[in-house]
Amino acid sequence: MKINFPLKRPISVMLLLILTSTILFYGKALFIPIAFGAMFAFLVNPIHSRLLRFKFNKYLSAITSILTIVAFVLIFLSMFGWQIQQLYEQKGEIKKELIKKQEMLQGYISNWFGIKVTKQKEMAEEVVNNIESRASSLFGNVMGVFSNFFLSLIYAILFLTERKKISQFFKK
């Protein structure tokens, strides 16, 4: 006997959304690198296909294709490092300018809000201490990004080399 329950479809959809959200939230450590790996695989698929036409081994062509992404990331990081080096070389001039701006800003704050310079210095030291405590977590976050990037590259190689098996799996 079939019971006609009018809220069956909306409840099913709501449960599916809750289940999907829960799986995605707790599985983000797995699904985010897989998503980026798929994106990288789509990005370098034309290079991979062209290398396969030149009779490259599928693993060698996948690794070569992924190395193009690594090369672009390294070029970007070296350009970023070059810019930081330029800033470091100009640190004396920047420091003088910042001190001038700080003194002007302290005068404005003192005039407009009535906060004395000593109180402003105490507040600034408090902010600096907070920044120092947060800088330690920055290293962990950077290492997490690099490990996810490396894992994404491995997934991309897997997607490129085994795409026929993956597509057959989803066709069944």
N, C-alpha and C. Protein backbone atom coordinates (compact mmCIF):
# COMPACT_ATOMS: atom_id res chain seq x y z
N MET A 1 0.84 -1.16 0.00
CA MET A 1 0.00 0.00 0.00
C MET A 1 0.89 1.24 0.00
N LYS A 2 0.63 2.16 -0.89
CA LYS A 2 1.42 3.37 -1.04
C LYS A 2 0.71 4.52 -0.33
N ILE A 3 1.47 5.20 0.54
CA ILE A 3 0.90 6.32 1.27
C ILE A 3 1.24 7.60 0.52
N ASN A 4 0.24 8.41 0.28
CA ASN A 4 0.46 9.68 -0.40
C ASN A 4 0.80 10.74 0.64
N PHE A 5 2.05 11.09 0.72
CA PHE A 5 2.53 12.05 1.71
C PHE A 5 2.92 13.32 0.95
N PRO A 6 2.21 14.43 1.11
CA PRO A 6 2.44 15.62 0.27
C PRO A 6 3.80 16.29 0.50
N LEU A 7 4.41 16.10 1.62
CA LEU A 7 5.70 16.76 1.90
C LEU A 7 6.90 15.85 1.64
N LYS A 8 6.66 14.71 1.03
CA LYS A 8 7.74 13.75 0.81
C LYS A 8 8.84 14.34 -0.07
N ARG A 9 8.50 14.97 -1.18
CA ARG A 9 9.50 15.53 -2.09
C ARG A 9 10.27 16.69 -1.46
N PRO A 10 9.63 17.68 -0.85
CA PRO A 10 10.41 18.77 -0.23
C PRO A 10 11.32 18.29 0.90
N ILE A 11 10.86 17.34 1.68
CA ILE A 11 11.70 16.81 2.76
C ILE A 11 12.88 16.05 2.18
N SER A 12 12.65 15.28 1.12
CA SER A 12 13.75 14.56 0.48
C SER A 12 14.80 15.52 -0.07
N VAL A 13 14.34 16.58 -0.71
CA VAL A 13 15.27 17.57 -1.25
C VAL A 13 16.05 18.24 -0.12
N MET A 14 15.37 18.59 0.95
CA MET A 14 16.03 19.23 2.09
C MET A 14 17.05 18.30 2.73
N LEU A 15 16.70 17.04 2.90
CA LEU A 15 17.65 16.07 3.46
C LEU A 15 18.85 15.88 2.54
N LEU A 16 18.61 15.86 1.22
CA LEU A 16 19.70 15.74 0.27
C LEU A 16 20.64 16.95 0.36
N LEU A 17 20.09 18.15 0.49
CA LEU A 17 20.92 19.35 0.64
C LEU A 17 21.72 19.33 1.93
N ILE A 18 21.10 18.91 3.01
CA ILE A 18 21.80 18.84 4.30
C ILE A 18 22.91 17.79 4.23
N LEU A 19 22.61 16.64 3.66
CA LEU A 19 23.61 15.58 3.54
C LEU A 19 24.77 16.02 2.65
N THR A 20 24.46 16.67 1.52
CA THR A 20 25.51 17.14 0.62
C THR A 20 26.37 18.19 1.30
N SER A 21 25.75 19.13 2.00
CA SER A 21 26.51 20.16 2.71
C SER A 21 27.40 19.57 3.78
N THR A 22 26.90 18.60 4.51
CA THR A 22 27.69 17.95 5.56
C THR A 22 28.87 17.20 4.96
N ILE A 23 28.63 16.48 3.89
CA ILE A 23 29.72 15.73 3.25
C ILE A 23 30.78 16.69 2.71
N LEU A 24 30.33 17.77 2.06
CA LEU A 24 31.30 18.74 1.52
C LEU A 24 32.06 19.46 2.63
N PHE A 25 31.40 19.76 3.74
CA PHE A 25 32.07 20.46 4.84
C PHE A 25 33.15 19.57 5.46
N TYR A 26 32.80 18.34 5.79
CA TYR A 26 33.77 17.47 6.44
C TYR A 26 34.76 16.84 5.46
N GLY A 27 34.43 16.81 4.18
CA GLY A 27 35.32 16.23 3.19
C GLY A 27 36.13 17.25 2.42
N LYS A 28 36.16 18.50 2.90
CA LYS A 28 36.86 19.54 2.14
C LYS A 28 38.35 19.26 2.00
N ALA A 29 38.95 18.57 2.95
CA ALA A 29 40.37 18.25 2.83
C ALA A 29 40.63 17.32 1.65
N LEU A 30 39.64 16.54 1.26
CA LEU A 30 39.77 15.65 0.12
C LEU A 30 39.24 16.29 -1.16
N PHE A 31 38.08 16.93 -1.06
CA PHE A 31 37.41 17.42 -2.27
C PHE A 31 38.05 18.67 -2.88
N ILE A 32 38.63 19.53 -2.08
CA ILE A 32 39.26 20.74 -2.64
C ILE A 32 40.45 20.38 -3.51
N PRO A 33 41.39 19.53 -3.06
CA PRO A 33 42.48 19.15 -3.98
C PRO A 33 41.98 18.39 -5.21
N ILE A 34 40.93 17.58 -5.06
CA ILE A 34 40.39 16.88 -6.23
C ILE A 34 39.81 17.89 -7.22
N ALA A 35 39.11 18.91 -6.72
CA ALA A 35 38.53 19.91 -7.62
C ALA A 35 39.63 20.69 -8.34
N PHE A 36 40.68 21.08 -7.61
CA PHE A 36 41.77 21.80 -8.26
C PHE A 36 42.53 20.88 -9.22
N GLY A 37 42.67 19.61 -8.86
CA GLY A 37 43.31 18.65 -9.76
C GLY A 37 42.53 18.50 -11.06
N ALA A 38 41.21 18.45 -10.95
CA ALA A 38 40.38 18.36 -12.15
C ALA A 38 40.53 19.64 -12.98
N MET A 39 40.57 20.77 -12.31
CA MET A 39 40.75 22.04 -13.02
C MET A 39 42.10 22.08 -13.75
N PHE A 40 43.16 21.66 -13.07
CA PHE A 40 44.48 21.63 -13.70
C PHE A 40 44.49 20.64 -14.87
N ALA A 41 43.81 19.51 -14.70
CA ALA A 41 43.76 18.52 -15.78
C ALA A 41 43.05 19.09 -17.00
N PHE A 42 41.94 19.80 -16.79
CA PHE A 42 41.25 20.44 -17.91
C PHE A 42 42.13 21.50 -18.55
N LEU A 43 42.89 22.18 -17.73
CA LEU A 43 43.73 23.27 -18.23
C LEU A 43 44.85 22.76 -19.14
N VAL A 44 45.47 21.66 -18.76
CA VAL A 44 46.60 21.15 -19.54
C VAL A 44 46.23 20.00 -20.47
N ASN A 45 44.95 19.70 -20.57
CA ASN A 45 44.53 18.61 -21.46
C ASN A 45 44.95 18.82 -22.91
N PRO A 46 44.89 20.03 -23.48
CA PRO A 46 45.36 20.19 -24.86
C PRO A 46 46.85 19.87 -25.02
N ILE A 47 47.65 20.25 -24.05
CA ILE A 47 49.09 19.95 -24.10
C ILE A 47 49.29 18.44 -24.02
N HIS A 48 48.56 17.81 -23.12
CA HIS A 48 48.66 16.36 -22.93
C HIS A 48 48.25 15.63 -24.21
N SER A 49 47.17 16.05 -24.83
CA SER A 49 46.71 15.40 -26.07
C SER A 49 47.72 15.58 -27.19
N ARG A 50 48.29 16.76 -27.29
CA ARG A 50 49.29 16.99 -28.35
C ARG A 50 50.52 16.13 -28.13
N LEU A 51 50.97 15.99 -26.89
CA LEU A 51 52.12 15.14 -26.61
C LEU A 51 51.81 13.67 -26.89
N LEU A 52 50.58 13.27 -26.64
CA LEU A 52 50.19 11.90 -26.97
C LEU A 52 50.21 11.67 -28.47
N ARG A 53 49.85 12.68 -29.25
CA ARG A 53 49.91 12.54 -30.71
C ARG A 53 51.34 12.41 -31.20
N PHE A 54 52.29 12.97 -30.44
CA PHE A 54 53.71 12.84 -30.79
C PHE A 54 54.31 11.54 -30.24
N LYS A 55 53.46 10.59 -29.87
CA LYS A 55 53.86 9.26 -29.39
C LYS A 55 54.60 9.28 -28.06
N PHE A 56 54.26 10.24 -27.19
CA PHE A 56 54.81 10.23 -25.84
C PHE A 56 54.06 9.18 -25.03
N ASN A 57 54.70 8.67 -24.01
CA ASN A 57 54.05 7.80 -23.05
C ASN A 57 52.99 8.63 -22.31
N LYS A 58 51.85 8.01 -21.95
CA LYS A 58 50.79 8.80 -21.33
C LYS A 58 51.21 9.37 -19.97
N TYR A 59 52.02 8.64 -19.23
CA TYR A 59 52.48 9.16 -17.94
C TYR A 59 53.49 10.28 -18.13
N LEU A 60 54.39 10.10 -19.08
CA LEU A 60 55.39 11.13 -19.35
C LEU A 60 54.74 12.40 -19.88
N SER A 61 53.74 12.25 -20.73
CA SER A 61 53.07 13.45 -21.25
C SER A 61 52.25 14.14 -20.16
N ALA A 62 51.66 13.37 -19.25
CA ALA A 62 50.90 13.97 -18.14
C ALA A 62 51.84 14.73 -17.20
N ILE A 63 52.97 14.13 -16.89
CA ILE A 63 53.93 14.80 -16.01
C ILE A 63 54.49 16.04 -16.67
N THR A 64 54.79 15.95 -17.97
CA THR A 64 55.30 17.12 -18.70
C THR A 64 54.26 18.23 -18.73
N SER A 65 53.01 17.87 -18.93
CA SER A 65 51.93 18.86 -18.96
C SER A 65 51.78 19.54 -17.61
N ILE A 66 51.85 18.76 -16.55
CA ILE A 66 51.71 19.32 -15.21
C ILE A 66 52.92 20.19 -14.86
N LEU A 67 54.08 19.83 -15.39
CA LEU A 67 55.26 20.66 -15.12
C LEU A 67 55.12 22.06 -15.72
N THR A 68 54.27 22.22 -16.74
CA THR A 68 54.02 23.58 -17.24
C THR A 68 53.33 24.43 -16.19
N ILE A 69 52.39 23.83 -15.46
CA ILE A 69 51.74 24.56 -14.36
C ILE A 69 52.76 24.92 -13.29
N VAL A 70 53.60 23.96 -12.94
CA VAL A 70 54.62 24.20 -11.93
C VAL A 70 55.56 25.32 -12.39
N ALA A 71 55.91 25.32 -13.68
CA ALA A 71 56.79 26.37 -14.21
C ALA A 71 56.13 27.74 -14.09
N PHE A 72 54.84 27.83 -14.43
CA PHE A 72 54.15 29.11 -14.31
C PHE A 72 54.05 29.57 -12.86
N VAL A 73 53.81 28.64 -11.95
CA VAL A 73 53.75 29.01 -10.52
C VAL A 73 55.12 29.48 -10.05
N LEU A 74 56.17 28.79 -10.45
CA LEU A 74 57.52 29.21 -10.06
C LEU A 74 57.88 30.57 -10.64
N ILE A 75 57.48 30.82 -11.88
CA ILE A 75 57.73 32.14 -12.48
C ILE A 75 56.98 33.21 -11.70
N PHE A 76 55.72 32.93 -11.36
CA PHE A 76 54.94 33.89 -10.58
C PHE A 76 55.59 34.15 -9.21
N LEU A 77 56.02 33.08 -8.54
CA LEU A 77 56.64 33.25 -7.22
C LEU A 77 57.97 33.98 -7.32
N SER A 78 58.73 33.75 -8.38
CA SER A 78 60.00 34.46 -8.52
C SER A 78 59.77 35.94 -8.80
N MET A 79 58.74 36.26 -9.58
CA MET A 79 58.41 37.66 -9.80
C MET A 79 57.94 38.32 -8.50
N PHE A 80 57.18 37.60 -7.72
CA PHE A 80 56.73 38.10 -6.43
C PHE A 80 57.93 38.32 -5.50
N GLY A 81 58.86 37.37 -5.49
CA GLY A 81 60.07 37.51 -4.69
C GLY A 81 60.93 38.67 -5.15
N TRP A 82 60.99 38.90 -6.44
CA TRP A 82 61.75 40.03 -6.97
C TRP A 82 61.14 41.35 -6.50
N GLN A 83 59.82 41.43 -6.49
CA GLN A 83 59.16 42.64 -5.99
C GLN A 83 59.44 42.85 -4.51
N ILE A 84 59.43 41.78 -3.74
CA ILE A 84 59.74 41.89 -2.31
C ILE A 84 61.18 42.34 -2.11
N GLN A 85 62.08 41.83 -2.93
CA GLN A 85 63.48 42.25 -2.85
C GLN A 85 63.61 43.74 -3.17
N GLN A 86 62.87 44.23 -4.14
CA GLN A 86 62.90 45.65 -4.47
C GLN A 86 62.40 46.49 -3.29
N LEU A 87 61.35 46.02 -2.64
CA LEU A 87 60.86 46.71 -1.44
C LEU A 87 61.88 46.70 -0.33
N TYR A 88 62.56 45.58 -0.16
CA TYR A 88 63.56 45.45 0.89
C TYR A 88 64.72 46.42 0.65
N GLU A 89 65.09 46.59 -0.61
CA GLU A 89 66.18 47.51 -0.92
C GLU A 89 65.79 48.96 -0.65
N GLN A 90 64.50 49.26 -0.69
CA GLN A 90 64.03 50.62 -0.47
C GLN A 90 63.48 50.82 0.94
N LYS A 91 63.81 49.91 1.85
CA LYS A 91 63.20 49.96 3.18
C LYS A 91 63.58 51.21 3.95
N GLY A 92 64.79 51.74 3.75
CA GLY A 92 65.18 52.96 4.47
C GLY A 92 64.32 54.14 4.08
N GLU A 93 64.10 54.32 2.79
CA GLU A 93 63.26 55.41 2.31
C GLU A 93 61.81 55.23 2.75
N ILE A 94 61.34 54.00 2.68
CA ILE A 94 59.96 53.71 3.08
C ILE A 94 59.78 53.98 4.56
N LYS A 95 60.79 53.61 5.37
CA LYS A 95 60.70 53.82 6.81
C LYS A 95 60.62 55.31 7.14
N LYS A 96 61.45 56.14 6.46
CA LYS A 96 61.41 57.58 6.69
C LYS A 96 60.04 58.16 6.34
N GLU A 97 59.49 57.72 5.22
CA GLU A 97 58.18 58.22 4.79
C GLU A 97 57.09 57.79 5.78
N LEU A 98 57.17 56.53 6.24
CA LEU A 98 56.17 56.05 7.19
C LEU A 98 56.25 56.79 8.52
N ILE A 99 57.46 57.12 8.96
CA ILE A 99 57.61 57.87 10.21
C ILE A 99 56.99 59.26 10.07
N LYS A 100 57.22 59.91 8.92
CA LYS A 100 56.61 61.23 8.68
C LYS A 100 55.08 61.12 8.69
N LYS A 101 54.55 60.11 7.99
CA LYS A 101 53.10 59.93 7.93
C LYS A 101 52.53 59.60 9.31
N GLN A 102 53.28 58.81 10.08
CA GLN A 102 52.82 58.45 11.42
C GLN A 102 52.74 59.68 12.31
N GLU A 103 53.75 60.53 12.25
CA GLU A 103 53.73 61.74 13.07
C GLU A 103 52.59 62.66 12.66
N MET A 104 52.34 62.78 11.35
CA MET A 104 51.22 63.60 10.90
C MET A 104 49.89 63.00 11.36
N LEU A 105 49.75 61.70 11.24
CA LEU A 105 48.52 61.03 11.65
C LEU A 105 48.30 61.13 13.15
N GLN A 106 49.37 61.01 13.93
CA GLN A 106 49.24 61.15 15.38
C GLN A 106 48.76 62.56 15.74
N GLY A 107 49.28 63.58 15.02
CA GLY A 107 48.82 64.95 15.27
C GLY A 107 47.35 65.11 14.94
N TYR A 108 46.91 64.55 13.80
CA TYR A 108 45.50 64.64 13.43
C TYR A 108 44.61 63.92 14.44
N ILE A 109 45.01 62.74 14.85
CA ILE A 109 44.20 61.98 15.82
C ILE A 109 44.14 62.71 17.15
N SER A 110 45.25 63.28 17.55
CA SER A 110 45.28 64.03 18.81
C SER A 110 44.37 65.25 18.73
N ASN A 111 44.39 65.94 17.61
CA ASN A 111 43.55 67.13 17.45
C ASN A 111 42.07 66.79 17.29
N TRP A 112 41.75 65.81 16.46
CA TRP A 112 40.37 65.50 16.15
C TRP A 112 39.66 64.71 17.25
N PHE A 113 40.35 63.70 17.80
CA PHE A 113 39.70 62.80 18.76
C PHE A 113 40.14 63.00 20.20
N GLY A 114 41.18 63.76 20.41
CA GLY A 114 41.66 64.03 21.76
C GLY A 114 42.39 62.86 22.40
N ILE A 115 42.89 61.95 21.62
CA ILE A 115 43.65 60.81 22.16
C ILE A 115 45.11 61.22 22.20
N LYS A 116 45.71 61.13 23.37
CA LYS A 116 47.10 61.55 23.53
C LYS A 116 48.04 60.60 22.78
N VAL A 117 49.23 61.12 22.45
CA VAL A 117 50.21 60.35 21.68
C VAL A 117 50.66 59.12 22.45
N THR A 118 50.80 59.21 23.78
CA THR A 118 51.23 58.04 24.56
C THR A 118 50.19 56.93 24.49
N LYS A 119 48.91 57.30 24.55
CA LYS A 119 47.84 56.30 24.44
C LYS A 119 47.84 55.67 23.04
N GLN A 120 48.11 56.49 22.02
CA GLN A 120 48.18 55.96 20.65
C GLN A 120 49.33 54.96 20.52
N LYS A 121 50.47 55.26 21.15
CA LYS A 121 51.60 54.33 21.09
C LYS A 121 51.28 53.01 21.79
N GLU A 122 50.56 53.08 22.92
CA GLU A 122 50.15 51.86 23.62
C GLU A 122 49.24 51.01 22.73
N MET A 123 48.30 51.68 22.04
CA MET A 123 47.39 50.95 21.16
C MET A 123 48.15 50.34 19.99
N ALA A 124 49.13 51.04 19.46
CA ALA A 124 49.93 50.53 18.34
C ALA A 124 50.75 49.32 18.78
N GLU A 125 51.33 49.36 19.99
CA GLU A 125 52.09 48.21 20.49
C GLU A 125 51.20 46.99 20.67
N GLU A 126 49.97 47.23 21.10
CA GLU A 126 49.02 46.14 21.27
C GLU A 126 48.71 45.48 19.92
N VAL A 127 48.53 46.30 18.89
CA VAL A 127 48.26 45.77 17.54
C VAL A 127 49.46 44.98 17.03
N VAL A 128 50.68 45.49 17.27
CA VAL A 128 51.89 44.80 16.82
C VAL A 128 52.02 43.45 17.51
N ASN A 129 51.71 43.39 18.79
CA ASN A 129 51.77 42.11 19.51
C ASN A 129 50.77 41.11 18.93
N ASN A 130 49.59 41.58 18.56
CA ASN A 130 48.60 40.69 17.95
C ASN A 130 49.08 40.18 16.60
N ILE A 131 49.74 41.04 15.84
CA ILE A 131 50.25 40.64 14.54
C ILE A 131 51.33 39.58 14.70
N GLU A 132 52.20 39.73 15.68
CA GLU A 132 53.26 38.75 15.91
C GLU A 132 52.69 37.39 16.27
N SER A 133 51.62 37.38 17.06
CA SER A 133 51.03 36.09 17.44
C SER A 133 50.35 35.42 16.25
N ARG A 134 49.81 36.22 15.33
CA ARG A 134 49.15 35.65 14.17
C ARG A 134 50.13 35.24 13.09
N ALA A 135 51.33 35.80 13.10
CA ALA A 135 52.33 35.47 12.08
C ALA A 135 52.76 34.01 12.17
N SER A 136 52.73 33.44 13.37
CA SER A 136 53.12 32.04 13.51
C SER A 136 52.13 31.11 12.81
N SER A 137 50.86 31.47 12.81
CA SER A 137 49.88 30.64 12.11
C SER A 137 49.99 30.79 10.60
N LEU A 138 50.62 31.88 10.15
CA LEU A 138 50.80 32.08 8.72
C LEU A 138 51.66 30.98 8.11
N PHE A 139 52.69 30.55 8.81
CA PHE A 139 53.56 29.49 8.30
C PHE A 139 52.77 28.20 8.09
N GLY A 140 51.94 27.85 9.04
CA GLY A 140 51.12 26.65 8.91
C GLY A 140 50.15 26.75 7.74
N ASN A 141 49.58 27.92 7.55
CA ASN A 141 48.66 28.11 6.43
C ASN A 141 49.38 28.01 5.09
N VAL A 142 50.57 28.57 5.00
CA VAL A 142 51.35 28.49 3.75
C VAL A 142 51.72 27.04 3.45
N MET A 143 52.12 26.30 4.46
CA MET A 143 52.45 24.89 4.25
C MET A 143 51.22 24.09 3.83
N GLY A 144 50.06 24.43 4.36
CA GLY A 144 48.83 23.77 3.95
C GLY A 144 48.50 24.05 2.49
N VAL A 145 48.72 25.28 2.05
CA VAL A 145 48.48 25.63 0.65
C VAL A 145 49.41 24.85 -0.26
N PHE A 146 50.70 24.79 0.11
CA PHE A 146 51.66 24.05 -0.72
C PHE A 146 51.34 22.56 -0.76
N SER A 147 50.93 21.99 0.35
CA SER A 147 50.60 20.56 0.34
C SER A 147 49.35 20.30 -0.49
N ASN A 148 48.34 21.17 -0.40
CA ASN A 148 47.15 21.01 -1.23
C ASN A 148 47.48 21.20 -2.71
N PHE A 149 48.39 22.12 -3.03
CA PHE A 149 48.80 22.33 -4.42
C PHE A 149 49.49 21.09 -4.95
N PHE A 150 50.40 20.53 -4.16
CA PHE A 150 51.11 19.31 -4.57
C PHE A 150 50.14 18.14 -4.76
N LEU A 151 49.21 18.01 -3.84
CA LEU A 151 48.21 16.95 -3.95
C LEU A 151 47.32 17.15 -5.17
N SER A 152 47.00 18.40 -5.48
CA SER A 152 46.19 18.71 -6.67
C SER A 152 46.93 18.33 -7.94
N LEU A 153 48.24 18.54 -7.96
CA LEU A 153 49.02 18.16 -9.14
C LEU A 153 49.03 16.64 -9.33
N ILE A 154 49.12 15.92 -8.23
CA ILE A 154 49.08 14.45 -8.31
C ILE A 154 47.71 13.99 -8.82
N TYR A 155 46.64 14.60 -8.33
CA TYR A 155 45.31 14.26 -8.83
C TYR A 155 45.18 14.60 -10.31
N ALA A 156 45.77 15.71 -10.74
CA ALA A 156 45.70 16.10 -12.16
C ALA A 156 46.41 15.06 -13.02
N ILE A 157 47.56 14.59 -12.56
CA ILE A 157 48.26 13.53 -13.31
C ILE A 157 47.39 12.28 -13.38
N LEU A 158 46.75 11.94 -12.27
CA LEU A 158 45.84 10.79 -12.26
C LEU A 158 44.69 10.98 -13.22
N PHE A 159 44.08 12.16 -13.22
CA PHE A 159 42.96 12.41 -14.12
C PHE A 159 43.39 12.37 -15.58
N LEU A 160 44.58 12.87 -15.88
CA LEU A 160 45.04 12.87 -17.27
C LEU A 160 45.36 11.46 -17.76
N THR A 161 46.01 10.67 -16.91
CA THR A 161 46.44 9.34 -17.36
C THR A 161 45.31 8.32 -17.36
N GLU A 162 44.37 8.46 -16.46
CA GLU A 162 43.32 7.46 -16.32
C GLU A 162 41.95 8.00 -16.71
N ARG A 163 41.88 8.95 -17.61
CA ARG A 163 40.60 9.57 -17.93
C ARG A 163 39.64 8.60 -18.62
N LYS A 164 40.15 7.64 -19.37
CA LYS A 164 39.26 6.67 -20.01
C LYS A 164 38.59 5.79 -18.97
N LYS A 165 39.36 5.33 -18.00
CA LYS A 165 38.78 4.49 -16.94
C LYS A 165 37.80 5.28 -16.08
N ILE A 166 38.11 6.53 -15.83
CA ILE A 166 37.22 7.37 -15.02
C ILE A 166 35.91 7.62 -15.77
N SER A 167 36.02 7.92 -17.07
CA SER A 167 34.79 8.16 -17.84
C SER A 167 33.96 6.88 -17.96
N GLN A 168 34.60 5.72 -18.10
CA GLN A 168 33.85 4.45 -18.16
C GLN A 168 33.15 4.19 -16.82
N PHE A 169 33.79 4.55 -15.74
CA PHE A 169 33.19 4.35 -14.42
C PHE A 169 31.90 5.16 -14.29
N PHE A 170 31.93 6.42 -14.76
CA PHE A 170 30.75 7.26 -14.63
C PHE A 170 29.68 6.97 -15.68
N LYS A 171 30.04 6.30 -16.76
CA LYS A 171 29.06 5.94 -17.78
C LYS A 171 28.23 4.76 -17.35
N LYS A 172 28.76 3.93 -16.49
CA LYS A 172 28.03 2.74 -16.05
C LYS A 172 26.94 3.07 -15.10
